[in-house]
Amino acid sequence: EAWDRDGKNKLATGKLVTIDNVID
């Protein structure tokens, strides 16, 4: 879920696509 900067309004709902192959 994507929420606005204040965390009060939900902007959109999606799904996880991928994870990077390295850790920073």
PDB file of all heavy atoms in Angstrom:
ATOM      1  N   GLU A   1       0.843  -1.199   0.000  1.00  0.00           N
ATOM      2  CA  GLU A   1       0.000   0.000   0.000  1.00  0.00           C
ATOM      3  C   GLU A   1       0.876   1.247   0.000  1.00  0.00           C
ATOM      4  O   GLU A   1       1.907   1.282   0.675  1.00  0.00           O
ATOM      5  CB  GLU A   1      -0.926   0.025   1.222  1.00  0.00           C
ATOM      6  CG  GLU A   1      -1.910  -1.128   1.272  1.00  0.00           C
ATOM      7  CD  GLU A   1      -2.735  -1.121   2.546  1.00  0.00           C
ATOM      8  OE1 GLU A   1      -2.397  -0.322   3.452  1.00  0.00           O
ATOM      9  OE2 GLU A   1      -3.708  -1.888   2.634  1.00  0.00           O
ATOM     10  N   ALA A   2       0.446   2.237  -0.743  1.00  0.00           N
ATOM     11  CA  ALA A   2       1.135   3.533  -0.782  1.00  0.00           C
ATOM     12  C   ALA A   2       0.250   4.568  -0.106  1.00  0.00           C
ATOM     13  O   ALA A   2      -0.914   4.740  -0.489  1.00  0.00           O
ATOM     14  CB  ALA A   2       1.437   3.950  -2.222  1.00  0.00           C
ATOM     15  N   TRP A   3       0.801   5.259   0.905  1.00  0.00           N
ATOM     16  CA  TRP A   3       0.086   6.283   1.661  1.00  0.00           C
ATOM     17  C   TRP A   3       0.780   7.620   1.459  1.00  0.00           C
ATOM     18  O   TRP A   3       1.954   7.677   1.081  1.00  0.00           O
ATOM     19  CB  TRP A   3       0.058   5.933   3.147  1.00  0.00           C
ATOM     20  CG  TRP A   3      -0.752   4.706   3.452  1.00  0.00           C
ATOM     21  CD1 TRP A   3      -0.435   3.413   3.126  1.00  0.00           C
ATOM     22  CD2 TRP A   3      -2.013   4.640   4.124  1.00  0.00           C
ATOM     23  NE1 TRP A   3      -1.418   2.553   3.555  1.00  0.00           N
ATOM     24  CE2 TRP A   3      -2.396   3.280   4.177  1.00  0.00           C
ATOM     25  CE3 TRP A   3      -2.841   5.601   4.693  1.00  0.00           C
ATOM     26  CZ2 TRP A   3      -3.577   2.863   4.776  1.00  0.00           C
ATOM     27  CZ3 TRP A   3      -4.014   5.191   5.292  1.00  0.00           C
ATOM     28  CH2 TRP A   3      -4.380   3.841   5.331  1.00  0.00           C
ATOM     29  N   ASP A   4       0.036   8.690   1.725  1.00  0.00           N
ATOM     30  CA  ASP A   4       0.611  10.026   1.568  1.00  0.00           C
ATOM     31  C   ASP A   4       1.657  10.278   2.639  1.00  0.00           C
ATOM     32  O   ASP A   4       1.900   9.453   3.518  1.00  0.00           O
ATOM     33  CB  ASP A   4      -0.477  11.100   1.588  1.00  0.00           C
ATOM     34  CG  ASP A   4      -1.233  11.137   2.911  1.00  0.00           C
ATOM     35  OD1 ASP A   4      -0.915  10.321   3.802  1.00  0.00           O
ATOM     36  OD2 ASP A   4      -2.138  11.970   3.061  1.00  0.00           O
ATOM     37  N   ARG A   5       2.272  11.457   2.566  1.00  0.00           N
ATOM     38  CA  ARG A   5       3.394  11.749   3.468  1.00  0.00           C
ATOM     39  C   ARG A   5       2.964  11.769   4.926  1.00  0.00           C
ATOM     40  O   ARG A   5       3.726  11.379   5.813  1.00  0.00           O
ATOM     41  CB  ARG A   5       4.022  13.091   3.079  1.00  0.00           C
ATOM     42  CG  ARG A   5       5.238  13.458   3.901  1.00  0.00           C
ATOM     43  CD  ARG A   5       5.926  14.688   3.363  1.00  0.00           C
ATOM     44  NE  ARG A   5       6.450  14.467   2.021  1.00  0.00           N
ATOM     45  CZ  ARG A   5       7.193  15.361   1.370  1.00  0.00           C
ATOM     46  NH1 ARG A   5       7.481  16.524   1.928  1.00  0.00           N
ATOM     47  NH2 ARG A   5       7.633  15.101   0.160  1.00  0.00           N
ATOM     48  N   ASP A   6       1.727  12.201   5.218  1.00  0.00           N
ATOM     49  CA  ASP A   6       1.235  12.226   6.591  1.00  0.00           C
ATOM     50  C   ASP A   6       0.754  10.865   7.062  1.00  0.00           C
ATOM     51  O   ASP A   6       0.475  10.697   8.255  1.00  0.00           O
ATOM     52  CB  ASP A   6       0.088  13.241   6.716  1.00  0.00           C
ATOM     53  CG  ASP A   6       0.557  14.661   6.447  1.00  0.00           C
ATOM     54  OD1 ASP A   6       1.752  14.927   6.684  1.00  0.00           O
ATOM     55  OD2 ASP A   6      -0.257  15.485   5.993  1.00  0.00           O
ATOM     56  N   GLY A   7       0.640   9.909   6.161  1.00  0.00           N
ATOM     57  CA  GLY A   7       0.179   8.587   6.536  1.00  0.00           C
ATOM     58  C   GLY A   7      -1.300   8.523   6.859  1.00  0.00           C
ATOM     59  O   GLY A   7      -1.734   7.609   7.565  1.00  0.00           O
ATOM     60  N   LYS A   8      -2.093   9.459   6.348  1.00  0.00           N
ATOM     61  CA  LYS A   8      -3.525   9.497   6.648  1.00  0.00           C
ATOM     62  C   LYS A   8      -4.391   9.017   5.488  1.00  0.00           C
ATOM     63  O   LYS A   8      -5.470   8.479   5.712  1.00  0.00           O
ATOM     64  CB  LYS A   8      -3.935  10.922   7.039  1.00  0.00           C
ATOM     65  CG  LYS A   8      -3.259  11.436   8.296  1.00  0.00           C
ATOM     66  CD  LYS A   8      -3.695  12.860   8.617  1.00  0.00           C
ATOM     67  CE  LYS A   8      -3.020  13.375   9.879  1.00  0.00           C
ATOM     68  NZ  LYS A   8      -3.417  14.770  10.197  1.00  0.00           N
ATOM     69  N   ASN A   9      -3.952   9.219   4.263  1.00  0.00           N
ATOM     70  CA  ASN A   9      -4.744   8.874   3.091  1.00  0.00           C
ATOM     71  C   ASN A   9      -4.013   7.815   2.270  1.00  0.00           C
ATOM     72  O   ASN A   9      -2.838   7.998   1.924  1.00  0.00           O
ATOM     73  CB  ASN A   9      -5.006  10.107   2.218  1.00  0.00           C
ATOM     74  CG  ASN A   9      -5.751  11.193   2.972  1.00  0.00           C
ATOM     75  OD1 ASN A   9      -6.689  10.918   3.705  1.00  0.00           O
ATOM     76  ND2 ASN A   9      -5.316  12.430   2.807  1.00  0.00           N
ATOM     77  N   LYS A  10      -4.712   6.727   1.968  1.00  0.00           N
ATOM     78  CA  LYS A  10      -4.130   5.689   1.127  1.00  0.00           C
ATOM     79  C   LYS A  10      -4.270   6.101  -0.327  1.00  0.00           C
ATOM     80  O   LYS A  10      -5.359   6.385  -0.814  1.00  0.00           O
ATOM     81  CB  LYS A  10      -4.807   4.348   1.376  1.00  0.00           C
ATOM     82  CG  LYS A  10      -4.159   3.208   0.608  1.00  0.00           C
ATOM     83  CD  LYS A  10      -4.659   1.856   1.063  1.00  0.00           C
ATOM     84  CE  LYS A  10      -6.104   1.658   0.671  1.00  0.00           C
ATOM     85  NZ  LYS A  10      -6.548   0.280   0.938  1.00  0.00           N
ATOM     86  N   LEU A  11      -3.148   6.124  -1.048  1.00  0.00           N
ATOM     87  CA  LEU A  11      -3.130   6.576  -2.427  1.00  0.00           C
ATOM     88  C   LEU A  11      -3.395   5.454  -3.412  1.00  0.00           C
ATOM     89  O   LEU A  11      -4.113   5.643  -4.397  1.00  0.00           O
ATOM     90  CB  LEU A  11      -1.783   7.236  -2.746  1.00  0.00           C
ATOM     91  CG  LEU A  11      -1.391   8.427  -1.858  1.00  0.00           C
ATOM     92  CD1 LEU A  11      -0.016   8.951  -2.239  1.00  0.00           C
ATOM     93  CD2 LEU A  11      -2.426   9.525  -1.946  1.00  0.00           C
ATOM     94  N   ALA A  12      -2.827   4.289  -3.185  1.00  0.00           N
ATOM     95  CA  ALA A  12      -2.974   3.195  -4.142  1.00  0.00           C
ATOM     96  C   ALA A  12      -2.612   1.883  -3.468  1.00  0.00           C
ATOM     97  O   ALA A  12      -1.932   1.853  -2.437  1.00  0.00           O
ATOM     98  CB  ALA A  12      -2.092   3.423  -5.369  1.00  0.00           C
ATOM     99  N   THR A  13      -3.079   0.797  -4.063  1.00  0.00           N
ATOM    100  CA  THR A  13      -2.772  -0.554  -3.605  1.00  0.00           C
ATOM    101  C   THR A  13      -2.178  -1.325  -4.773  1.00  0.00           C
ATOM    102  O   THR A  13      -2.743  -1.342  -5.869  1.00  0.00           O
ATOM    103  CB  THR A  13      -4.023  -1.264  -3.085  1.00  0.00           C
ATOM    104  OG1 THR A  13      -4.584  -0.512  -2.009  1.00  0.00           O
ATOM    105  CG2 THR A  13      -3.684  -2.661  -2.597  1.00  0.00           C
ATOM    106  N   GLY A  14      -1.037  -1.954  -4.550  1.00  0.00           N
ATOM    107  CA  GLY A  14      -0.369  -2.708  -5.602  1.00  0.00           C
ATOM    108  C   GLY A  14       0.217  -3.994  -5.073  1.00  0.00           C
ATOM    109  O   GLY A  14      -0.239  -4.547  -4.066  1.00  0.00           O
ATOM    110  N   LYS A  15       1.252  -4.461  -5.740  1.00  0.00           N
ATOM    111  CA  LYS A  15       1.878  -5.724  -5.359  1.00  0.00           C
ATOM    112  C   LYS A  15       3.392  -5.601  -5.502  1.00  0.00           C
ATOM    113  O   LYS A  15       3.907  -4.775  -6.268  1.00  0.00           O
ATOM    114  CB  LYS A  15       1.361  -6.871  -6.222  1.00  0.00           C
ATOM    115  CG  LYS A  15       1.666  -6.705  -7.697  1.00  0.00           C
ATOM    116  CD  LYS A  15       1.128  -7.861  -8.506  1.00  0.00           C
ATOM    117  CE  LYS A  15       1.440  -7.687  -9.999  1.00  0.00           C
ATOM    118  NZ  LYS A  15       0.948  -8.832 -10.792  1.00  0.00           N
ATOM    119  N   LEU A  16       4.084  -6.444  -4.742  1.00  0.00           N
ATOM    120  CA  LEU A  16       5.543  -6.470  -4.803  1.00  0.00           C
ATOM    121  C   LEU A  16       5.970  -7.162  -6.095  1.00  0.00           C
ATOM    122  O   LEU A  16       5.480  -8.246  -6.425  1.00  0.00           O
ATOM    123  CB  LEU A  16       6.104  -7.201  -3.585  1.00  0.00           C
ATOM    124  CG  LEU A  16       7.628  -7.290  -3.488  1.00  0.00           C
ATOM    125  CD1 LEU A  16       8.236  -5.910  -3.295  1.00  0.00           C
ATOM    126  CD2 LEU A  16       8.036  -8.206  -2.340  1.00  0.00           C
ATOM    127  N   VAL A  17       6.897  -6.526  -6.831  1.00  0.00           N
ATOM    128  CA  VAL A  17       7.348  -7.077  -8.106  1.00  0.00           C
ATOM    129  C   VAL A  17       8.640  -7.850  -7.940  1.00  0.00           C
ATOM    130  O   VAL A  17       8.756  -9.001  -8.376  1.00  0.00           O
ATOM    131  CB  VAL A  17       7.514  -5.946  -9.142  1.00  0.00           C
ATOM    132  CG1 VAL A  17       8.085  -6.495 -10.450  1.00  0.00           C
ATOM    133  CG2 VAL A  17       6.186  -5.263  -9.401  1.00  0.00           C
ATOM    134  N   THR A  18       9.630  -7.228  -7.323  1.00  0.00           N
ATOM    135  CA  THR A  18      10.921  -7.881  -7.227  1.00  0.00           C
ATOM    136  C   THR A  18      11.719  -7.323  -6.061  1.00  0.00           C
ATOM    137  O   THR A  18      11.401  -6.257  -5.510  1.00  0.00           O
ATOM    138  CB  THR A  18      11.720  -7.707  -8.531  1.00  0.00           C
ATOM    139  OG1 THR A  18      12.941  -8.446  -8.449  1.00  0.00           O
ATOM    140  CG2 THR A  18      12.060  -6.251  -8.745  1.00  0.00           C
ATOM    141  N   ILE A  19      12.755  -8.068  -5.694  1.00  0.00           N
ATOM    142  CA  ILE A  19      13.716  -7.662  -4.660  1.00  0.00           C
ATOM    143  C   ILE A  19      15.081  -7.559  -5.313  1.00  0.00           C
ATOM    144  O   ILE A  19      15.444  -8.393  -6.152  1.00  0.00           O
ATOM    145  CB  ILE A  19      13.749  -8.675  -3.498  1.00  0.00           C
ATOM    146  CG1 ILE A  19      12.351  -8.869  -2.922  1.00  0.00           C
ATOM    147  CG2 ILE A  19      14.703  -8.228  -2.408  1.00  0.00           C
ATOM    148  CD1 ILE A  19      12.303  -9.936  -1.834  1.00  0.00           C
ATOM    149  N   ASP A  20      15.824  -6.536  -4.951  1.00  0.00           N
ATOM    150  CA  ASP A  20      17.163  -6.371  -5.502  1.00  0.00           C
ATOM    151  C   ASP A  20      18.032  -7.570  -5.119  1.00  0.00           C
ATOM    152  O   ASP A  20      17.765  -8.255  -4.126  1.00  0.00           O
ATOM    153  CB  ASP A  20      17.771  -5.063  -4.996  1.00  0.00           C
ATOM    154  CG  ASP A  20      18.918  -4.590  -5.869  1.00  0.00           C
ATOM    155  OD1 ASP A  20      19.214  -5.272  -6.873  1.00  0.00           O
ATOM    156  OD2 ASP A  20      19.520  -3.546  -5.566  1.00  0.00           O
ATOM    157  N   ASN A  21      19.085  -7.794  -5.908  1.00  0.00           N
ATOM    158  CA  ASN A  21      19.922  -8.975  -5.679  1.00  0.00           C
ATOM    159  C   ASN A  21      21.108  -8.709  -4.776  1.00  0.00           C
ATOM    160  O   ASN A  21      21.904  -9.619  -4.524  1.00  0.00           O
ATOM    161  CB  ASN A  21      20.421  -9.523  -7.022  1.00  0.00           C
ATOM    162  CG  ASN A  21      21.195  -8.480  -7.831  1.00  0.00           C
ATOM    163  OD1 ASN A  21      21.271  -7.329  -7.433  1.00  0.00           O
ATOM    164  ND2 ASN A  21      21.749  -8.889  -8.948  1.00  0.00           N
ATOM    165  N   VAL A  22      21.252  -7.490  -4.277  1.00  0.00           N
ATOM    166  CA  VAL A  22      22.356  -7.174  -3.361  1.00  0.00           C
ATOM    167  C   VAL A  22      21.835  -6.300  -2.236  1.00  0.00           C
ATOM    168  O   VAL A  22      20.813  -5.620  -2.366  1.00  0.00           O
ATOM    169  CB  VAL A  22      23.519  -6.452  -4.086  1.00  0.00           C
ATOM    170  CG1 VAL A  22      24.199  -7.368  -5.083  1.00  0.00           C
ATOM    171  CG2 VAL A  22      23.031  -5.188  -4.762  1.00  0.00           C
ATOM    172  N   ILE A  23      22.550  -6.331  -1.115  1.00  0.00           N
ATOM    173  CA  ILE A  23      22.259  -5.483   0.045  1.00  0.00           C
ATOM    174  C   ILE A  23      23.248  -4.328   0.053  1.00  0.00           C
ATOM    175  O   ILE A  23      24.452  -4.524  -0.130  1.00  0.00           O
ATOM    176  CB  ILE A  23      22.349  -6.283   1.351  1.00  0.00           C
ATOM    177  CG1 ILE A  23      21.244  -7.338   1.393  1.00  0.00           C
ATOM    178  CG2 ILE A  23      22.239  -5.367   2.568  1.00  0.00           C
ATOM    179  CD1 ILE A  23      21.326  -8.243   2.601  1.00  0.00           C
ATOM    180  N   ASP A  24      22.742  -3.140   0.243  1.00  0.00           N
ATOM    181  CA  ASP A  24      23.599  -1.958   0.315  1.00  0.00           C
ATOM    182  C   ASP A  24      24.365  -1.997   1.633  1.00  0.00           C
ATOM    183  O   ASP A  24      23.786  -1.868   2.716  1.00  0.00           O
ATOM    184  CB  ASP A  24      22.749  -0.689   0.216  1.00  0.00           C
ATOM    185  CG  ASP A  24      23.592   0.567   0.059  1.00  0.00           C
ATOM    186  OD1 ASP A  24      24.819   0.484   0.240  1.00  0.00           O
ATOM    187  OD2 ASP A  24      23.016   1.629  -0.233  1.00  0.00           O
TER     188      ASP A  24
END
